[in-house]
């Protein structure tokens, strides 16, 4: 159930992160935004466990997932700017 919850929270966090930091190099499309948000939630969970903020079986909270999604969106923007 933890992975399913991370996917749901990550999808919502991706949409919120896109609204927080609008720009030209944002991912185009709703599905890609959700996928990047899910990746951000997994990154936030992994990073939080590595730092010691979360226990081994804990997932990132909603705010952590949004921060992870923003980090992924910043990386996405940097990669797409270099290609252009």
PDB file of N, CA and C in Angstrom:
ATOM      1  N   UNK A   1       0.819  -1.195   0.000  1.00  0.00           N
ATOM      2  CA  UNK A   1       0.000   0.000   0.000  1.00  0.00           C
ATOM      3  C   UNK A   1       0.862   1.258   0.000  1.00  0.00           C
ATOM      4  N   UNK A   2       2.080   1.178   0.519  1.00  0.00           N
ATOM      5  CA  UNK A   2       2.963   2.333   0.584  1.00  0.00           C
ATOM      6  C   UNK A   2       3.353   2.852  -0.781  1.00  0.00           C
ATOM      7  N   UNK A   3       3.613   1.961  -1.730  1.00  0.00           N
ATOM      8  CA  UNK A   3       4.006   2.380  -3.072  1.00  0.00           C
ATOM      9  C   UNK A   3       2.823   3.025  -3.788  1.00  0.00           C
ATOM     10  N   UNK A   4       1.636   2.459  -3.611  1.00  0.00           N
ATOM     11  CA  UNK A   4       0.444   3.037  -4.228  1.00  0.00           C
ATOM     12  C   UNK A   4       0.191   4.440  -3.684  1.00  0.00           C
ATOM     13  N   UNK A   5       0.351   4.604  -2.381  1.00  0.00           N
ATOM     14  CA  UNK A   5       0.169   5.912  -1.761  1.00  0.00           C
ATOM     15  C   UNK A   5       1.200   6.907  -2.285  1.00  0.00           C
ATOM     16  N   UNK A   6       2.440   6.478  -2.446  1.00  0.00           N
ATOM     17  CA  UNK A   6       3.485   7.347  -2.982  1.00  0.00           C
ATOM     18  C   UNK A   6       3.154   7.775  -4.407  1.00  0.00           C
ATOM     19  N   UNK A   7       2.600   6.870  -5.209  1.00  0.00           N
ATOM     20  CA  UNK A   7       2.230   7.200  -6.585  1.00  0.00           C
ATOM     21  C   UNK A   7       1.099   8.229  -6.611  1.00  0.00           C
ATOM     22  N   UNK A   8       0.101   8.036  -5.752  1.00  0.00           N
ATOM     23  CA  UNK A   8      -1.024   8.972  -5.714  1.00  0.00           C
ATOM     24  C   UNK A   8      -0.555  10.351  -5.260  1.00  0.00           C
ATOM     25  N   UNK A   9       0.178  10.399  -4.155  1.00  0.00           N
ATOM     26  CA  UNK A   9       0.685  11.667  -3.632  1.00  0.00           C
ATOM     27  C   UNK A   9       1.640  12.303  -4.631  1.00  0.00           C
ATOM     28  N   UNK A  10       2.476  11.503  -5.278  1.00  0.00           N
ATOM     29  CA  UNK A  10       3.419  12.025  -6.262  1.00  0.00           C
ATOM     30  C   UNK A  10       2.725  12.653  -7.455  1.00  0.00           C
ATOM     31  N   UNK A  11       1.637  12.045  -7.913  1.00  0.00           N
ATOM     32  CA  UNK A  11       0.889  12.624  -9.026  1.00  0.00           C
ATOM     33  C   UNK A  11       0.309  13.984  -8.682  1.00  0.00           C
ATOM     34  N   UNK A  12      -0.280  14.075  -7.503  1.00  0.00           N
ATOM     35  CA  UNK A  12      -0.845  15.354  -7.063  1.00  0.00           C
ATOM     36  C   UNK A  12       0.278  16.368  -6.839  1.00  0.00           C
ATOM     37  N   UNK A  13       1.384  15.912  -6.255  1.00  0.00           N
ATOM     38  CA  UNK A  13       2.516  16.807  -5.998  1.00  0.00           C
ATOM     39  C   UNK A  13       3.113  17.329  -7.297  1.00  0.00           C
ATOM     40  N   UNK A  14       3.147  16.512  -8.342  1.00  0.00           N
ATOM     41  CA  UNK A  14       3.662  16.967  -9.632  1.00  0.00           C
ATOM     42  C   UNK A  14       2.830  18.084 -10.222  1.00  0.00           C
ATOM     43  N   UNK A  15       1.511  17.956 -10.117  1.00  0.00           N
ATOM     44  CA  UNK A  15       0.627  19.000 -10.625  1.00  0.00           C
ATOM     45  C   UNK A  15       0.813  20.293  -9.824  1.00  0.00           C
ATOM     46  N   UNK A  16       0.892  20.175  -8.507  1.00  0.00           N
ATOM     47  CA  UNK A  16       1.078  21.354  -7.661  1.00  0.00           C
ATOM     48  C   UNK A  16       2.439  21.996  -7.925  1.00  0.00           C
ATOM     49  N   UNK A  17       3.476  21.168  -8.079  1.00  0.00           N
ATOM     50  CA  UNK A  17       4.815  21.707  -8.339  1.00  0.00           C
ATOM     51  C   UNK A  17       4.853  22.459  -9.663  1.00  0.00           C
ATOM     52  N   UNK A  18       4.120  21.983 -10.654  1.00  0.00           N
ATOM     53  CA  UNK A  18       4.091  22.674 -11.947  1.00  0.00           C
ATOM     54  C   UNK A  18       3.417  24.034 -11.815  1.00  0.00           C
ATOM     55  N   UNK A  19       2.383  24.121 -10.968  1.00  0.00           N
ATOM     56  CA  UNK A  19       1.730  25.411 -10.753  1.00  0.00           C
ATOM     57  C   UNK A  19       2.602  26.353  -9.935  1.00  0.00           C
ATOM     58  N   UNK A  20       3.431  25.818  -9.044  1.00  0.00           N
ATOM     59  CA  UNK A  20       4.302  26.649  -8.220  1.00  0.00           C
ATOM     60  C   UNK A  20       5.392  27.287  -9.065  1.00  0.00           C
ATOM     61  N   UNK A  21       5.968  26.531  -9.977  1.00  0.00           N
ATOM     62  CA  UNK A  21       7.080  27.054 -10.776  1.00  0.00           C
ATOM     63  C   UNK A  21       6.788  26.956 -12.267  1.00  0.00           C
ATOM     64  N   UNK A  22       5.895  27.800 -12.764  1.00  0.00           N
ATOM     65  CA  UNK A  22       5.618  27.784 -14.201  1.00  0.00           C
ATOM     66  C   UNK A  22       6.806  28.327 -14.984  1.00  0.00           C
ATOM     67  N   UNK A  23       6.961  27.836 -16.192  1.00  0.00           N
ATOM     68  CA  UNK A  23       8.052  28.301 -17.036  1.00  0.00           C
ATOM     69  C   UNK A  23       7.940  27.708 -18.426  1.00  0.00           C
ATOM     70  N   UNK A  24       8.830  28.126 -19.299  1.00  0.00           N
ATOM     71  CA  UNK A  24       8.804  27.658 -20.683  1.00  0.00           C
ATOM     72  C   UNK A  24       9.363  26.255 -20.829  1.00  0.00           C
ATOM     73  N   UNK A  25      10.280  25.865 -19.967  1.00  0.00           N
ATOM     74  CA  UNK A  25      10.923  24.565 -20.104  1.00  0.00           C
ATOM     75  C   UNK A  25      10.265  23.495 -19.241  1.00  0.00           C
ATOM     76  N   UNK A  26       9.018  23.693 -18.904  1.00  0.00           N
ATOM     77  CA  UNK A  26       8.272  22.717 -18.129  1.00  0.00           C
ATOM     78  C   UNK A  26       7.885  21.553 -19.037  1.00  0.00           C
ATOM     79  N   UNK A  27       7.630  20.414 -18.451  1.00  0.00           N
ATOM     80  CA  UNK A  27       7.183  19.296 -19.283  1.00  0.00           C
ATOM     81  C   UNK A  27       5.839  19.592 -19.925  1.00  0.00           C
ATOM     82  N   UNK A  28       5.709  19.200 -21.146  1.00  0.00           N
ATOM     83  CA  UNK A  28       4.455  19.422 -21.869  1.00  0.00           C
ATOM     84  C   UNK A  28       3.579  18.190 -21.689  1.00  0.00           C
ATOM     85  N   UNK A  29       2.425  18.387 -21.142  1.00  0.00           N
ATOM     86  CA  UNK A  29       1.480  17.282 -20.999  1.00  0.00           C
ATOM     87  C   UNK A  29       1.231  16.903 -19.555  1.00  0.00           C
ATOM     88  N   UNK A  30       0.004  16.496 -19.326  1.00  0.00           N
ATOM     89  CA  UNK A  30      -0.442  16.143 -17.983  1.00  0.00           C
ATOM     90  C   UNK A  30       0.216  14.859 -17.492  1.00  0.00           C
ATOM     91  N   UNK A  31       0.329  13.870 -18.354  1.00  0.00           N
ATOM     92  CA  UNK A  31       0.892  12.574 -17.967  1.00  0.00           C
ATOM     93  C   UNK A  31       2.362  12.722 -17.580  1.00  0.00           C
ATOM     94  N   UNK A  32       3.134  13.456 -18.366  1.00  0.00           N
ATOM     95  CA  UNK A  32       4.545  13.651 -18.065  1.00  0.00           C
ATOM     96  C   UNK A  32       4.723  14.404 -16.749  1.00  0.00           C
ATOM     97  N   UNK A  33       3.860  15.389 -16.484  1.00  0.00           N
ATOM     98  CA  UNK A  33       3.918  16.117 -15.220  1.00  0.00           C
ATOM     99  C   UNK A  33       3.663  15.185 -14.047  1.00  0.00           C
ATOM    100  N   UNK A  34       2.678  14.313 -14.177  1.00  0.00           N
ATOM    101  CA  UNK A  34       2.372  13.364 -13.108  1.00  0.00           C
ATOM    102  C   UNK A  34       3.526  12.386 -12.912  1.00  0.00           C
ATOM    103  N   UNK A  35       4.104  11.906 -14.009  1.00  0.00           N
ATOM    104  CA  UNK A  35       5.225  10.973 -13.891  1.00  0.00           C
ATOM    105  C   UNK A  35       6.435  11.616 -13.210  1.00  0.00           C
ATOM    106  N   UNK A  36       6.707  12.868 -13.542  1.00  0.00           N
ATOM    107  CA  UNK A  36       7.804  13.572 -12.879  1.00  0.00           C
ATOM    108  C   UNK A  36       7.488  13.812 -11.405  1.00  0.00           C
ATOM    109  N   UNK A  37       6.230  14.052 -11.084  1.00  0.00           N
ATOM    110  CA  UNK A  37       5.823  14.194  -9.686  1.00  0.00           C
ATOM    111  C   UNK A  37       5.987  12.901  -8.908  1.00  0.00           C
ATOM    112  N   UNK A  38       5.645  11.782  -9.536  1.00  0.00           N
ATOM    113  CA  UNK A  38       5.837  10.476  -8.896  1.00  0.00           C
ATOM    114  C   UNK A  38       7.318  10.229  -8.665  1.00  0.00           C
ATOM    115  N   UNK A  39       8.143  10.550  -9.667  1.00  0.00           N
ATOM    116  CA  UNK A  39       9.590  10.403  -9.496  1.00  0.00           C
ATOM    117  C   UNK A  39      10.085  11.293  -8.364  1.00  0.00           C
ATOM    118  N   UNK A  40       9.539  12.494  -8.253  1.00  0.00           N
ATOM    119  CA  UNK A  40       9.914  13.397  -7.165  1.00  0.00           C
ATOM    120  C   UNK A  40       9.535  12.842  -5.804  1.00  0.00           C
ATOM    121  N   UNK A  41       8.375  12.199  -5.709  1.00  0.00           N
ATOM    122  CA  UNK A  41       7.955  11.596  -4.443  1.00  0.00           C
ATOM    123  C   UNK A  41       8.879  10.452  -4.055  1.00  0.00           C
ATOM    124  N   UNK A  42       9.270   9.642  -5.036  1.00  0.00           N
ATOM    125  CA  UNK A  42      10.206   8.548  -4.743  1.00  0.00           C
ATOM    126  C   UNK A  42      11.581   9.091  -4.349  1.00  0.00           C
ATOM    127  N   UNK A  43      12.035  10.152  -5.016  1.00  0.00           N
ATOM    128  CA  UNK A  43      13.316  10.772  -4.675  1.00  0.00           C
ATOM    129  C   UNK A  43      13.261  11.351  -3.262  1.00  0.00           C
ATOM    130  N   UNK A  44      12.152  12.018  -2.927  1.00  0.00           N
ATOM    131  CA  UNK A  44      12.011  12.596  -1.589  1.00  0.00           C
ATOM    132  C   UNK A  44      11.997  11.503  -0.526  1.00  0.00           C
ATOM    133  N   UNK A  45      11.337  10.385  -0.814  1.00  0.00           N
ATOM    134  CA  UNK A  45      11.320   9.270   0.132  1.00  0.00           C
ATOM    135  C   UNK A  45      12.721   8.702   0.307  1.00  0.00           C
ATOM    136  N   UNK A  46      13.407   8.466  -0.807  1.00  0.00           N
ATOM    137  CA  UNK A  46      14.746   7.889  -0.736  1.00  0.00           C
ATOM    138  C   UNK A  46      15.721   8.820  -0.020  1.00  0.00           C
ATOM    139  N   UNK A  47      15.670  10.099  -0.382  1.00  0.00           N
ATOM    140  CA  UNK A  47      16.573  11.078   0.224  1.00  0.00           C
ATOM    141  C   UNK A  47      16.283  11.239   1.718  1.00  0.00           C
ATOM    142  N   UNK A  48      14.995  11.302   2.069  1.00  0.00           N
ATOM    143  CA  UNK A  48      14.622  11.422   3.477  1.00  0.00           C
ATOM    144  C   UNK A  48      15.068  10.225   4.300  1.00  0.00           C
ATOM    145  N   UNK A  49      14.992   9.029   3.733  1.00  0.00           N
ATOM    146  CA  UNK A  49      15.468   7.832   4.434  1.00  0.00           C
ATOM    147  C   UNK A  49      16.982   7.825   4.527  1.00  0.00           C
ATOM    148  N   UNK A  50      17.672   8.294   3.482  1.00  0.00           N
ATOM    149  CA  UNK A  50      19.134   8.330   3.501  1.00  0.00           C
ATOM    150  C   UNK A  50      19.661   9.323   4.525  1.00  0.00           C
ATOM    151  N   UNK A  51      18.976  10.460   4.657  1.00  0.00           N
ATOM    152  CA  UNK A  51      19.406  11.483   5.614  1.00  0.00           C
ATOM    153  C   UNK A  51      19.017  11.097   7.034  1.00  0.00           C
ATOM    154  N   UNK A  52      17.946  10.323   7.167  1.00  0.00           N
ATOM    155  CA  UNK A  52      17.501   9.913   8.485  1.00  0.00           C
ATOM    156  C   UNK A  52      16.247  10.616   8.955  1.00  0.00           C
ATOM    157  N   UNK A  53      15.606  11.372   8.061  1.00  0.00           N
ATOM    158  CA  UNK A  53      14.364  12.058   8.415  1.00  0.00           C
ATOM    159  C   UNK A  53      13.213  11.067   8.522  1.00  0.00           C
ATOM    160  N   UNK A  54      13.239  10.023   7.697  1.00  0.00           N
ATOM    161  CA  UNK A  54      12.196   9.008   7.682  1.00  0.00           C
ATOM    162  C   UNK A  54      12.800   7.672   8.079  1.00  0.00           C
ATOM    163  N   UNK A  55      11.969   6.839   8.660  1.00  0.00           N
ATOM    164  CA  UNK A  55      12.391   5.493   9.002  1.00  0.00           C
ATOM    165  C   UNK A  55      12.433   4.618   7.759  1.00  0.00           C
ATOM    166  N   UNK A  56      12.881   3.365   7.907  1.00  0.00           N
ATOM    167  CA  UNK A  56      13.001   2.481   6.740  1.00  0.00           C
ATOM    168  C   UNK A  56      11.678   2.198   6.030  1.00  0.00           C
ATOM    169  N   UNK A  57      10.574   2.231   6.751  1.00  0.00           N
ATOM    170  CA  UNK A  57       9.281   1.937   6.135  1.00  0.00           C
ATOM    171  C   UNK A  57       8.407   3.169   5.961  1.00  0.00           C
ATOM    172  N   UNK A  58       8.953   4.359   6.166  1.00  0.00           N
ATOM    173  CA  UNK A  58       8.186   5.595   6.039  1.00  0.00           C
ATOM    174  C   UNK A  58       8.325   6.156   4.632  1.00  0.00           C
ATOM    175  N   UNK A  59       7.253   6.823   4.178  1.00  0.00           N
ATOM    176  CA  UNK A  59       7.284   7.506   2.892  1.00  0.00           C
ATOM    177  C   UNK A  59       7.314   9.010   3.138  1.00  0.00           C
ATOM    178  N   UNK A  60       7.706   9.727   2.105  1.00  0.00           N
ATOM    179  CA  UNK A  60       7.726  11.188   2.199  1.00  0.00           C
ATOM    180  C   UNK A  60       6.296  11.696   2.354  1.00  0.00           C
ATOM    181  N   UNK A  61       6.146  12.753   3.104  1.00  0.00           N
ATOM    182  CA  UNK A  61       4.843  13.379   3.247  1.00  0.00           C
ATOM    183  C   UNK A  61       4.511  14.202   2.029  1.00  0.00           C
ATOM    184  N   UNK A  62       3.386  14.873   2.092  1.00  0.00           N
ATOM    185  CA  UNK A  62       2.906  15.644   0.955  1.00  0.00           C
ATOM    186  C   UNK A  62       3.851  16.790   0.615  1.00  0.00           C
ATOM    187  N   UNK A  63       4.328  17.497   1.634  1.00  0.00           N
ATOM    188  CA  UNK A  63       5.257  18.612   1.394  1.00  0.00           C
ATOM    189  C   UNK A  63       6.580  18.083   0.849  1.00  0.00           C
ATOM    190  N   UNK A  64       7.073  16.982   1.382  1.00  0.00           N
ATOM    191  CA  UNK A  64       8.305  16.379   0.877  1.00  0.00           C
ATOM    192  C   UNK A  64       8.171  15.953  -0.571  1.00  0.00           C
ATOM    193  N   UNK A  65       7.008  15.421  -0.932  1.00  0.00           N
ATOM    194  CA  UNK A  65       6.775  15.016  -2.319  1.00  0.00           C
ATOM    195  C   UNK A  65       6.749  16.227  -3.248  1.00  0.00           C
ATOM    196  N   UNK A  66       6.171  17.333  -2.785  1.00  0.00           N
ATOM    197  CA  UNK A  66       6.161  18.551  -3.605  1.00  0.00           C
ATOM    198  C   UNK A  66       7.577  19.077  -3.793  1.00  0.00           C
ATOM    199  N   UNK A  67       8.366  19.070  -2.727  1.00  0.00           N
ATOM    200  CA  UNK A  67       9.764  19.522  -2.836  1.00  0.00           C
ATOM    201  C   UNK A  67      10.540  18.609  -3.779  1.00  0.00           C
ATOM    202  N   UNK A  68      10.338  17.307  -3.673  1.00  0.00           N
ATOM    203  CA  UNK A  68      10.995  16.369  -4.590  1.00  0.00           C
ATOM    204  C   UNK A  68      10.572  16.601  -6.026  1.00  0.00           C
ATOM    205  N   UNK A  69       9.287  16.882  -6.248  1.00  0.00           N
ATOM    206  CA  UNK A  69       8.794  17.155  -7.601  1.00  0.00           C
ATOM    207  C   UNK A  69       9.390  18.449  -8.150  1.00  0.00           C
ATOM    208  N   UNK A  70       9.536  19.454  -7.299  1.00  0.00           N
ATOM    209  CA  UNK A  70      10.156  20.709  -7.739  1.00  0.00           C
ATOM    210  C   UNK A  70      11.610  20.467  -8.133  1.00  0.00           C
ATOM    211  N   UNK A  71      12.322  19.657  -7.371  1.00  0.00           N
ATOM    212  CA  UNK A  71      13.718  19.327  -7.709  1.00  0.00           C
ATOM    213  C   UNK A  71      13.786  18.617  -9.054  1.00  0.00           C
ATOM    214  N   UNK A  72      12.892  17.658  -9.268  1.00  0.00           N
ATOM    215  CA  UNK A  72      12.862  16.941 -10.551  1.00  0.00           C
ATOM    216  C   UNK A  72      12.518  17.900 -11.691  1.00  0.00           C
ATOM    217  N   UNK A  73      11.578  18.813 -11.467  1.00  0.00           N
ATOM    218  CA  UNK A  73      11.229  19.779 -12.512  1.00  0.00           C
ATOM    219  C   UNK A  73      12.383  20.729 -12.818  1.00  0.00           C
ATOM    220  N   UNK A  74      13.155  21.109 -11.802  1.00  0.00           N
ATOM    221  CA  UNK A  74      14.341  21.945 -12.044  1.00  0.00           C
ATOM    222  C   UNK A  74      15.366  21.188 -12.889  1.00  0.00           C
ATOM    223  N   UNK A  75      15.565  19.916 -12.579  1.00  0.00           N
ATOM    224  CA  UNK A  75      16.495  19.090 -13.365  1.00  0.00           C
ATOM    225  C   UNK A  75      15.973  18.949 -14.790  1.00  0.00           C
ATOM    226  N   UNK A  76      14.665  18.715 -14.936  1.00  0.00           N
ATOM    227  CA  UNK A  76      14.048  18.605 -16.257  1.00  0.00           C
ATOM    228  C   UNK A  76      14.274  19.879 -17.078  1.00  0.00           C
ATOM    229  N   UNK A  77      14.077  21.035 -16.442  1.00  0.00           N
ATOM    230  CA  UNK A  77      14.278  22.310 -17.125  1.00  0.00           C
ATOM    231  C   UNK A  77      15.720  22.512 -17.549  1.00  0.00           C
ATOM    232  N   UNK A  78      16.663  22.104 -16.691  1.00  0.00           N
ATOM    233  CA  UNK A  78      18.085  22.250 -17.038  1.00  0.00           C
ATOM    234  C   UNK A  78      18.458  21.350 -18.206  1.00  0.00           C
ATOM    235  N   UNK A  79      17.937  20.134 -18.237  1.00  0.00           N
ATOM    236  CA  UNK A  79      18.265  19.205 -19.308  1.00  0.00           C
ATOM    237  C   UNK A  79      17.647  19.670 -20.628  1.00  0.00           C
ATOM    238  N   UNK A  80      16.408  20.122 -20.590  1.00  0.00           N
ATOM    239  CA  UNK A  80      15.774  20.548 -21.840  1.00  0.00           C
ATOM    240  C   UNK A  80      16.349  21.864 -22.358  1.00  0.00           C
ATOM    241  N   UNK A  81      16.857  22.725 -21.484  1.00  0.00           N
ATOM    242  CA  UNK A  81      17.496  23.957 -21.949  1.00  0.00           C
ATOM    243  C   UNK A  81      18.795  23.645 -22.666  1.00  0.00           C
ATOM    244  N   UNK A  82      19.525  22.657 -22.211  1.00  0.00           N
ATOM    245  CA  UNK A  82      20.787  22.303 -22.873  1.00  0.00           C
ATOM    246  C   UNK A  82      20.549  21.706 -24.255  1.00  0.00           C
ATOM    247  N   UNK A  83      19.447  21.001 -24.423  1.00  0.00           N
ATOM    248  CA  UNK A  83      19.138  20.417 -25.726  1.00  0.00           C
ATOM    249  C   UNK A  83      18.735  21.476 -26.749  1.00  0.00           C
ATOM    250  N   UNK A  84      18.146  22.543 -26.270  1.00  0.00           N
ATOM    251  CA  UNK A  84      17.619  23.571 -27.193  1.00  0.00           C
ATOM    252  C   UNK A  84      18.687  24.493 -27.707  1.00  0.00           C
TER     253      UNK A  84
END
